[in-house]
Protein backbone atom coordinates (compact mmCIF):
# COMPACT_ATOMS: atom_id res chain seq x y z
CA MET A 1 28.52 -36.13 -6.92
CA PHE A 2 25.98 -33.35 -6.43
CA THR A 3 26.40 -31.91 -2.92
CA VAL A 4 23.84 -29.66 -1.24
CA LEU A 5 23.76 -27.95 2.17
CA VAL A 6 20.43 -27.48 3.96
CA THR A 7 20.04 -24.93 6.77
CA GLY A 8 17.35 -25.21 9.43
CA ALA A 9 17.58 -28.95 8.91
CA THR A 10 15.81 -29.91 12.15
CA GLY A 11 13.03 -27.33 11.70
CA ASN A 12 9.74 -27.52 9.83
CA GLN A 13 10.89 -26.11 6.50
CA GLY A 14 14.45 -27.44 6.47
CA GLY A 15 13.22 -30.83 7.63
CA GLY A 16 10.76 -30.89 4.74
CA VAL A 17 13.58 -30.09 2.32
CA ILE A 18 15.78 -32.88 3.71
CA GLN A 19 13.01 -35.47 3.38
CA ALA A 20 12.21 -34.37 -0.18
CA LEU A 21 15.88 -34.59 -1.15
CA LEU A 22 16.20 -38.03 0.44
CA SER A 23 13.15 -39.14 -1.52
CA ALA A 24 14.61 -37.75 -4.76
CA ARG A 25 17.89 -39.51 -4.09
CA SER A 26 16.15 -42.81 -3.40
CA ASN A 27 13.54 -42.74 -6.16
CA SER A 28 15.51 -41.20 -9.02
CA GLY A 29 18.90 -42.70 -8.30
CA ILE A 30 20.57 -39.28 -8.30
CA ALA A 31 24.03 -39.41 -6.75
CA MET A 32 23.60 -36.80 -4.04
CA ASN A 33 25.45 -35.85 -0.87
CA ILE A 34 23.11 -34.07 1.57
CA LYS A 35 24.65 -31.95 4.31
CA ALA A 36 22.62 -30.50 7.18
CA LEU A 37 23.61 -27.41 9.15
CA THR A 38 22.57 -27.67 12.78
CA ARG A 39 23.55 -26.00 16.04
CA ASN A 40 23.51 -29.29 17.93
CA THR A 41 24.68 -32.39 16.09
CA ASN A 42 23.77 -34.53 19.12
CA SER A 43 20.09 -33.60 19.26
CA VAL A 44 17.51 -36.33 18.72
CA SER A 45 16.35 -34.71 15.46
CA ALA A 46 19.90 -34.36 14.16
CA VAL A 47 20.85 -37.94 14.99
CA LYS A 48 17.71 -39.13 13.21
CA LEU A 49 18.86 -37.31 10.07
CA GLU A 50 22.33 -38.80 10.38
CA ASN A 51 20.77 -42.27 10.56
CA GLN A 52 19.02 -41.49 7.26
CA GLY A 53 22.34 -40.85 5.56
CA VAL A 54 22.59 -37.09 6.00
CA LYS A 55 25.97 -35.58 6.90
CA LEU A 56 25.70 -33.28 9.92
CA VAL A 57 27.66 -30.03 10.05
CA GLN A 58 27.73 -27.97 13.24
CA GLY A 59 27.20 -24.24 12.95
CA ASP A 60 24.67 -21.44 12.78
CA LEU A 61 23.88 -18.48 10.55
CA PHE A 62 25.75 -16.01 12.77
CA ASN A 63 29.05 -17.89 12.52
CA ALA A 64 30.67 -16.91 9.22
CA ALA A 65 33.62 -19.27 9.60
CA ALA A 66 31.33 -22.23 10.31
CA LEU A 67 29.23 -21.37 7.26
CA GLU A 68 32.29 -21.31 5.02
CA ARG A 69 33.34 -24.72 6.34
CA ALA A 70 29.84 -26.11 5.86
CA LEU A 71 29.58 -24.81 2.30
CA ALA A 72 32.99 -26.09 1.23
CA GLY A 73 32.60 -28.54 -1.63
CA CYS A 74 28.89 -27.84 -2.12
CA ASP A 75 27.26 -27.27 -5.49
CA ALA A 76 24.04 -25.80 -4.13
CA ALA A 77 22.46 -24.70 -0.87
CA TYR A 78 19.13 -24.01 0.78
CA LEU A 79 18.72 -21.06 3.14
CA VAL A 80 15.96 -20.35 5.63
CA THR A 81 16.32 -17.43 8.07
CA ASP A 82 14.45 -16.55 11.27
CA PHE A 83 13.69 -13.22 12.95
CA ARG A 84 13.28 -15.00 16.29
CA ASN A 85 16.80 -14.36 17.49
CA PRO A 86 18.34 -12.00 20.07
CA ARG A 87 18.79 -9.26 17.45
CA ASP A 88 15.31 -9.54 15.92
CA LEU A 89 14.94 -8.26 12.33
CA GLU A 90 18.49 -6.94 12.04
CA GLY A 91 19.72 -10.34 13.14
CA GLU A 92 17.70 -12.05 10.43
CA ILE A 93 19.14 -9.76 7.76
CA ASP A 94 22.62 -10.56 9.06
CA GLN A 95 21.82 -14.27 8.80
CA GLY A 96 21.10 -13.74 5.11
CA LYS A 97 24.16 -11.55 4.58
CA ASN A 98 26.45 -14.06 6.29
CA PHE A 99 25.18 -17.00 4.31
CA ILE A 100 25.24 -15.25 0.95
CA ALA A 101 28.78 -13.99 1.58
CA ALA A 102 29.96 -17.48 2.55
CA ALA A 103 28.21 -18.98 -0.49
CA GLU A 104 29.94 -16.47 -2.77
CA LYS A 105 33.30 -17.22 -1.19
CA GLN A 106 32.85 -20.98 -1.68
CA GLY A 107 31.62 -20.64 -5.26
CA ILE A 108 28.12 -22.02 -4.72
CA GLY A 109 26.35 -22.32 -8.07
CA HIS A 110 22.71 -22.28 -6.93
CA LEU A 111 21.06 -20.96 -3.77
CA VAL A 112 17.40 -21.54 -2.94
CA PHE A 113 15.94 -19.17 -0.34
CA SER A 114 12.74 -19.62 1.66
CA SER A 115 11.03 -16.26 1.85
CA VAL A 116 7.31 -15.62 2.46
CA ALA A 117 4.29 -14.81 0.32
CA GLY A 118 3.64 -11.07 0.43
CA CYS A 119 7.14 -10.07 1.49
CA GLU A 120 7.15 -7.11 -0.92
CA ASP A 121 4.63 -5.31 1.31
CA PRO A 122 6.48 -3.31 4.01
CA GLU A 123 3.37 -3.39 6.21
CA VAL A 124 4.55 -6.63 7.83
CA SER A 125 8.10 -5.91 8.95
CA HIS A 126 9.20 -9.52 9.53
CA PHE A 127 7.91 -10.42 6.05
CA HIS A 128 9.68 -7.48 4.46
CA THR A 129 12.95 -8.52 6.09
CA LYS A 130 12.92 -11.57 3.85
CA TYR A 131 12.40 -9.31 0.83
CA THR A 132 15.56 -7.48 1.88
CA ILE A 133 17.41 -10.80 1.85
CA GLU A 134 15.90 -11.59 -1.56
CA SER A 135 17.33 -8.29 -2.81
CA LEU A 136 20.76 -9.18 -1.43
CA LEU A 137 20.56 -12.51 -3.23
CA ARG A 138 19.57 -10.87 -6.52
CA THR A 139 22.60 -8.58 -6.42
CA SER A 140 25.01 -11.30 -5.27
CA ARG A 141 27.61 -13.09 -7.38
CA ILE A 142 25.83 -16.44 -7.02
CA PRO A 143 25.11 -17.57 -10.61
CA LEU A 144 21.62 -19.01 -10.02
CA HIS A 145 19.14 -18.24 -7.28
CA THR A 146 15.59 -19.41 -6.66
CA VAL A 147 13.08 -18.03 -4.17
CA VAL A 148 10.24 -20.06 -2.63
CA ARG A 149 7.57 -17.94 -0.95
CA PRO A 150 5.24 -20.07 1.19
CA VAL A 151 1.92 -18.96 2.66
CA GLY A 152 0.83 -19.99 6.19
CA PHE A 153 1.98 -23.39 7.46
CA MET A 154 -0.56 -26.14 8.02
CA ASP A 155 2.02 -27.58 10.42
CA LEU A 156 1.28 -24.76 12.88
CA ILE A 157 -2.21 -26.17 13.43
CA PRO A 158 -2.13 -28.26 16.65
CA PRO A 159 -2.06 -31.92 15.57
CA THR A 160 -5.09 -33.32 17.39
CA GLN A 161 -8.58 -32.30 18.46
CA GLY A 162 -8.64 -30.77 21.89
CA PHE A 163 -8.14 -27.57 23.84
CA ALA A 164 -4.99 -26.33 22.06
CA ARG A 165 -6.41 -26.68 18.56
CA SER A 166 -9.77 -25.24 19.53
CA MET A 167 -8.13 -22.16 21.03
CA PHE A 168 -5.90 -21.80 17.96
CA LEU A 169 -8.94 -21.86 15.66
CA SER A 170 -10.95 -19.64 18.00
CA ALA A 171 -8.21 -17.00 17.92
CA MET A 172 -8.13 -17.20 14.12
CA GLN A 173 -11.90 -16.82 13.96
CA ALA A 174 -11.75 -13.77 16.23
CA VAL A 175 -9.29 -11.98 13.95
CA PHE A 176 -10.10 -13.25 10.46
CA GLY A 177 -13.83 -13.97 10.65
CA ASP A 178 -14.94 -15.26 7.24
CA VAL A 179 -11.85 -14.01 5.38
CA GLU A 180 -10.16 -16.92 3.61
CA GLN A 181 -6.55 -17.64 4.52
CA LYS A 182 -3.95 -19.57 2.54
CA TRP A 183 -2.19 -22.73 3.70
CA ILE A 184 0.74 -24.91 2.67
CA ALA A 185 2.25 -28.04 4.26
CA CYS A 186 5.96 -27.83 5.11
CA GLU A 187 6.34 -31.17 3.36
CA ASP A 188 5.24 -29.46 0.15
CA ILE A 189 7.55 -26.51 0.71
CA GLY A 190 10.30 -29.11 0.88
CA LYS A 191 9.15 -30.66 -2.39
CA ALA A 192 9.23 -27.26 -4.12
CA VAL A 193 12.74 -26.53 -2.86
CA ALA A 194 13.97 -30.00 -3.78
CA ALA A 195 12.52 -29.67 -7.29
CA ALA A 196 14.44 -26.42 -7.79
CA LEU A 197 17.65 -27.94 -6.45
CA VAL A 198 17.47 -31.23 -8.35
CA GLU A 199 16.00 -29.85 -11.59
CA PRO A 200 17.35 -26.29 -11.84
CA ASP A 201 16.85 -26.13 -15.61
CA SER A 202 13.10 -26.60 -15.12
CA PHE A 203 12.42 -24.95 -11.78
CA GLY A 204 15.45 -22.84 -10.85
CA GLY A 205 15.96 -19.12 -11.29
CA LYS A 206 12.34 -18.28 -10.49
CA VAL A 207 10.16 -16.98 -7.66
CA TRP A 208 7.63 -19.60 -6.58
CA THR A 209 4.73 -18.62 -4.33
CA VAL A 210 3.46 -21.92 -2.94
CA CYS A 211 -0.07 -22.53 -1.64
CA GLY A 212 -1.96 -25.78 -1.08
CA ASP A 213 -5.36 -24.60 0.09
CA VAL A 214 -7.52 -21.51 0.63
CA LYS A 215 -10.00 -21.76 3.48
CA THR A 216 -12.02 -19.83 6.04
CA VAL A 217 -11.65 -20.97 9.64
CA ASP A 218 -14.84 -22.99 9.32
CA GLY A 219 -13.48 -24.51 6.12
CA VAL A 220 -10.33 -25.54 7.99
CA ARG A 221 -12.47 -27.16 10.71
CA GLU A 222 -14.43 -29.12 8.11
CA SER A 223 -11.25 -30.21 6.32
CA LEU A 224 -9.58 -31.34 9.54
CA ALA A 225 -12.62 -33.42 10.50
CA LYS A 226 -12.79 -34.93 7.01
CA GLY A 227 -9.09 -35.76 6.92
CA GLU A 228 -9.12 -37.30 10.38
CA GLY A 229 -12.31 -39.26 9.75
CA SER A 230 -14.17 -37.47 12.54
CA SER A 231 -17.88 -36.67 12.55
CA ILE A 232 -17.26 -33.80 14.96
CA LYS A 233 -15.62 -30.53 14.00
CA ASP A 234 -13.28 -28.77 16.44
CA TRP A 235 -15.29 -26.53 18.71
CA ILE A 236 -14.57 -22.83 18.81
CA VAL A 237 -15.40 -20.26 21.46
CA TRP A 238 -16.02 -16.57 21.08
CA LEU A 239 -12.92 -14.51 21.85
CA PRO A 240 -12.77 -10.72 21.65
CA ARG A 241 -10.69 -9.62 18.68
CA TRP A 242 -8.97 -6.92 20.72
CA LEU A 243 -7.82 -9.48 23.29
CA VAL A 244 -6.27 -11.78 20.68
CA LEU A 245 -4.44 -8.86 19.06
CA TRP A 246 -3.41 -7.28 22.37
CA SER A 247 -1.98 -10.57 23.68
CA SER A 248 -0.02 -11.26 20.47
CA PRO A 249 3.65 -10.18 20.19
CA PHE A 250 4.15 -7.13 17.98
CA HIS A 251 5.37 -8.92 14.85
CA TYR A 252 2.48 -11.38 14.94
CA ARG A 253 -0.08 -8.64 15.60
CA GLU A 254 1.27 -6.76 12.60
CA MET A 255 0.94 -9.93 10.50
CA PHE A 256 -2.61 -10.68 11.69
CA LEU A 257 -3.81 -7.18 10.81
CA TRP A 258 -2.42 -7.61 7.30
CA LEU A 259 -3.70 -11.16 6.80
CA GLU A 260 -7.24 -10.20 7.77
CA LYS A 261 -7.37 -8.08 4.60
CA GLY A 262 -7.17 -11.28 2.56
CA VAL A 263 -4.44 -9.90 0.30
CA GLN A 264 -1.71 -12.52 0.65
CA PRO A 265 -0.71 -13.81 -2.81
CA GLY A 266 -0.57 -17.46 -3.82
CA ASN A 267 -2.78 -19.95 -5.63
CA VAL A 268 -2.99 -23.72 -5.84
CA GLU A 269 -2.85 -24.02 -9.63
CA GLU A 270 0.44 -22.15 -9.84
CA THR A 271 1.87 -24.33 -7.08
CA ARG A 272 0.95 -27.51 -8.95
CA LYS A 273 3.48 -26.54 -11.63
CA ILE A 274 6.29 -27.33 -9.18
CA VAL A 275 4.46 -29.62 -6.69
CA PRO A 276 1.85 -31.52 -8.74
CA ASP A 277 0.49 -33.42 -5.73
CA VAL A 278 0.37 -30.43 -3.36
CA MET A 279 -1.86 -31.22 -0.36
CA ASP A 280 -4.98 -29.42 0.76
CA VAL A 281 -5.82 -29.25 4.48
CA ALA A 282 -7.95 -32.42 4.41
CA ARG A 283 -5.26 -34.48 2.72
CA TRP A 284 -2.58 -33.11 5.04
CA ALA A 285 -4.74 -33.98 8.08
CA ASP A 286 -5.33 -37.50 6.74
CA LYS A 287 -1.62 -38.07 6.13
CA LYS A 288 -0.71 -36.63 9.53
CA ASP A 289 -3.31 -38.86 11.19
CA GLU A 290 -1.99 -41.97 9.40
CA SER A 291 1.58 -41.14 10.46
CA ALA A 292 0.47 -40.76 14.08
CA LYS A 293 -1.27 -44.15 14.01
CA LYS A 294 1.86 -45.83 12.63
CA ARG A 295 3.89 -44.46 15.55
CA GLU A 296 1.46 -45.87 18.11
């Protein structure tokens, strides 16, 4: 039976991967054992995964012994790292080092890594950290590796109309103006990763930059209103650019200054090669809205 370990399983990206793998297992009849690495196996999100037939494994990316135990018996693995840890960028690089070393030790045949679109550019330090991990993966003894480089997450947009979303869009407008930005749903990141894991002959061993939509802030507002069936777009207020940048933590400020140049790579047509039904913002908003109504 094909066995795969997913890190960050209760987060946006890892959660998207888990759901895509569950769908592949259900729809294609692939015999698959899905393992999820999580710090807290008793959390609500973790228990929900367990109820879906996912095997929970306790551990984190700083615990080498736990990683080796989690990877034991696996054929493939998915890795997502995070600079938001007590040791910042160095800590994220160590997360990658630890996981790659454990994967080598356990003889993992295929590792899929979530990086970020534009990571080659050293101008954004927390992007370039992921490029460092990519380099470690390329020089590792793991036979097959695949890299998925997503653009900005649609899932970071506050889910409903109101103050939070209006301030989010207002801050974006202050920094980016009419410069188009690129967006991808975490669900579609999950589909890309799952495709590489389940069909490595077709999608593995490559670098995939995934993008579902390209929009200005006003374009995002229009798409959200369309997807949610609203006749009213989110309102935005004028915010001074300097205030938005000054109030942003260093790594995010660095990222905003780079993104406002409009140079982040990624296009929808290329993404459709691995995720044929990749969502634009309007379709994502419609699906999100339908899911919210079902929960009510």
